[in-house]
């Protein structure tokens, strides 16, 4: 039987940010997604083109 993956606690969306952190940016060739702040919200942003891919508010 396959093990189920643990999901973040209800109301804790930081799992979304952690899931994207470190991935290649789909919009530019050289960027990497990194957790940070975008418009005062926790977000995952490209290190090169600075495009936000997810933000929590």
Protein backbone atom coordinates (compact mmCIF):
# COMPACT_ATOMS: atom_id res chain seq x y z
CA UNK A 1 0.00 0.00 0.00
CA UNK A 2 1.34 3.47 -0.90
CA UNK A 3 2.14 5.93 1.85
CA UNK A 4 0.15 9.13 1.78
CA UNK A 5 2.02 12.39 1.69
CA UNK A 6 1.53 14.66 4.66
CA UNK A 7 -0.21 17.90 3.89
CA UNK A 8 0.20 21.23 5.67
CA UNK A 9 -2.03 21.87 8.65
CA UNK A 10 -5.35 23.48 7.82
CA UNK A 11 -4.85 27.22 7.43
CA UNK A 12 -1.09 26.81 6.83
CA UNK A 13 -0.45 27.59 3.17
CA UNK A 14 3.34 27.75 3.54
CA UNK A 15 3.46 24.28 1.95
CA UNK A 16 2.59 25.90 -1.38
CA UNK A 17 5.57 28.22 -1.10
CA UNK A 18 7.90 25.43 -0.02
CA UNK A 19 6.72 23.29 -2.94
CA UNK A 20 7.70 25.99 -5.47
CA UNK A 21 10.91 27.13 -3.76
CA UNK A 22 14.00 26.15 -5.76
CA UNK A 23 12.22 25.34 -9.03
CA UNK A 24 13.24 26.88 -12.35
CA UNK A 25 11.24 29.93 -13.43
CA UNK A 26 8.89 29.09 -16.32
CA UNK A 27 9.00 32.70 -17.59
CA UNK A 28 12.72 33.28 -18.02
CA UNK A 29 15.70 31.06 -18.81
CA UNK A 30 18.02 31.78 -15.91
CA UNK A 31 15.83 32.41 -12.86
CA UNK A 32 15.04 30.25 -9.86
CA UNK A 33 11.98 30.57 -7.65
CA UNK A 34 12.74 31.66 -4.10
CA UNK A 35 10.61 32.46 -1.06
CA UNK A 36 10.49 36.16 -0.27
CA UNK A 37 8.15 39.14 0.02
CA UNK A 38 6.05 40.67 -2.75
CA UNK A 39 3.90 43.73 -2.00
CA UNK A 40 4.19 43.02 1.76
CA UNK A 41 2.97 39.42 1.31
CA UNK A 42 4.86 36.14 1.68
CA UNK A 43 5.55 34.91 -1.84
CA UNK A 44 7.67 32.84 -4.20
CA UNK A 45 9.47 35.13 -6.65
CA UNK A 46 11.89 34.57 -9.52
CA UNK A 47 15.44 35.59 -8.60
CA UNK A 48 16.07 36.91 -12.13
CA UNK A 49 12.89 38.42 -13.64
CA UNK A 50 11.26 39.07 -10.21
CA UNK A 51 7.91 37.65 -11.37
CA UNK A 52 5.82 36.43 -8.42
CA UNK A 53 4.44 32.88 -8.85
CA UNK A 54 2.47 32.54 -5.63
CA UNK A 55 1.69 34.92 -2.79
CA UNK A 56 -0.20 34.57 0.44
CA UNK A 57 -2.31 37.31 1.95
